Amino acid sequence: MSNELQDRKPDDVLDLRGEACPEPQIEIVKKLNHMKPGQVLEVISDEEPMNVTIPKICESRGYPCVSVKEGNTYRIKILKTK
C-alpha cells in the first residue's frame, strides 16, 4: 500500500511549513473530516516532530499514510479510508 499511496496524486494539499504544534494537527483533522473516503490528503511540513505525530494521528483513525523527506521538508500522504 505504501508505494501505491506514495504514487497517488493527492485530492487536496495542506502546506503547513512554518506552523508549530498543535495547530497543524488540528488543521489535518479538520481537513480529513471534510474529505470523502478514498481521497488522499498530502501534508507538507518542515517540522520534524510532524513526521512522528501525523502517522500517530493516522494510525489512531485507521488511515494509511506514507512519509517522504525532501531536504528539510516532509511530504506525508494520507488515505482517508472511512
Protein backbone atom coordinates (compact mmCIF):
# COMPACT_ATOMS: atom_id res chain seq x y z
CA MET A 1 0.00 0.00 0.00
CA SER A 2 2.79 2.48 0.82
CA ASN A 3 4.22 2.55 -2.74
CA GLU A 4 0.74 2.79 -4.22
CA LEU A 5 -0.17 5.61 -1.83
CA GLN A 6 3.13 7.39 -2.43
CA ASP A 7 2.45 7.40 -6.19
CA ARG A 8 -1.16 8.65 -5.91
CA LYS A 9 -1.98 12.20 -6.82
CA PRO A 10 -3.43 13.98 -3.78
CA ASP A 11 -7.01 15.22 -3.84
CA ASP A 12 -6.03 18.07 -1.52
CA VAL A 13 -2.80 19.55 -0.14
CA LEU A 14 -2.17 21.20 3.23
CA ASP A 15 1.04 23.25 3.29
CA LEU A 16 1.93 23.60 6.96
CA ARG A 17 5.52 24.78 6.59
CA GLY A 18 6.42 27.20 9.35
CA GLU A 19 3.48 26.09 11.54
CA ALA A 20 4.22 24.88 15.07
CA CYS A 21 2.26 22.31 17.12
CA PRO A 22 -0.57 21.89 17.92
CA GLU A 23 -2.13 23.95 15.09
CA PRO A 24 -1.04 21.58 12.27
CA GLN A 25 -2.64 18.56 13.91
CA ILE A 26 -5.91 20.46 14.31
CA GLU A 27 -5.84 21.55 10.65
CA ILE A 28 -5.12 17.99 9.46
CA VAL A 29 -8.01 16.52 11.45
CA LYS A 30 -10.38 19.26 10.22
CA LYS A 31 -9.37 18.68 6.61
CA LEU A 32 -9.69 14.89 6.86
CA ASN A 33 -13.14 15.24 8.46
CA HIS A 34 -14.33 17.06 5.33
CA MET A 35 -12.81 14.62 2.84
CA LYS A 36 -14.56 11.59 1.33
CA PRO A 37 -13.38 8.01 1.86
CA GLY A 38 -10.83 7.07 -0.80
CA GLN A 39 -9.42 10.58 -1.09
CA VAL A 40 -5.75 11.39 -0.43
CA LEU A 41 -4.50 14.35 1.56
CA GLU A 42 -0.89 15.46 1.19
CA VAL A 43 0.58 17.34 4.14
CA ILE A 44 3.76 19.37 3.65
CA SER A 45 5.69 20.27 6.79
CA ASP A 46 9.16 21.40 7.79
CA GLU A 47 8.69 20.44 11.44
CA GLU A 48 10.45 17.14 12.17
CA PRO A 49 8.05 16.16 15.00
CA MET A 50 5.23 16.16 12.45
CA ASN A 51 6.88 13.15 10.83
CA VAL A 52 6.01 11.27 14.03
CA THR A 53 2.76 12.90 15.14
CA ILE A 54 0.95 12.72 11.78
CA PRO A 55 1.44 8.95 11.42
CA LYS A 56 0.17 8.53 15.01
CA ILE A 57 -2.96 10.54 14.19
CA CYS A 58 -3.47 8.42 11.08
CA GLU A 59 -2.94 5.15 12.95
CA SER A 60 -5.49 6.14 15.61
CA ARG A 61 -8.07 6.77 12.86
CA GLY A 62 -7.15 3.75 10.73
CA TYR A 63 -5.82 5.84 7.83
CA PRO A 64 -2.78 4.52 5.93
CA CYS A 65 -0.06 7.12 5.42
CA VAL A 66 3.38 7.37 3.88
CA SER A 67 6.08 9.96 4.54
CA VAL A 68 8.88 11.12 2.26
CA LYS A 69 11.64 13.50 3.33
CA GLU A 70 12.84 16.01 0.71
CA GLY A 71 15.67 18.09 2.18
CA ASN A 72 14.18 19.75 5.27
CA THR A 73 10.61 19.14 4.16
CA TYR A 74 8.31 16.19 4.82
CA ARG A 75 5.57 15.21 2.38
CA ILE A 76 3.07 12.94 4.07
CA LYS A 77 0.22 11.39 2.10
CA ILE A 78 -2.82 10.17 4.00
CA LEU A 79 -5.55 7.95 2.59
CA LYS A 80 -8.95 8.56 4.18
CA THR A 81 -10.47 5.11 4.37
CA LYS A 82 -13.74 5.69 6.19
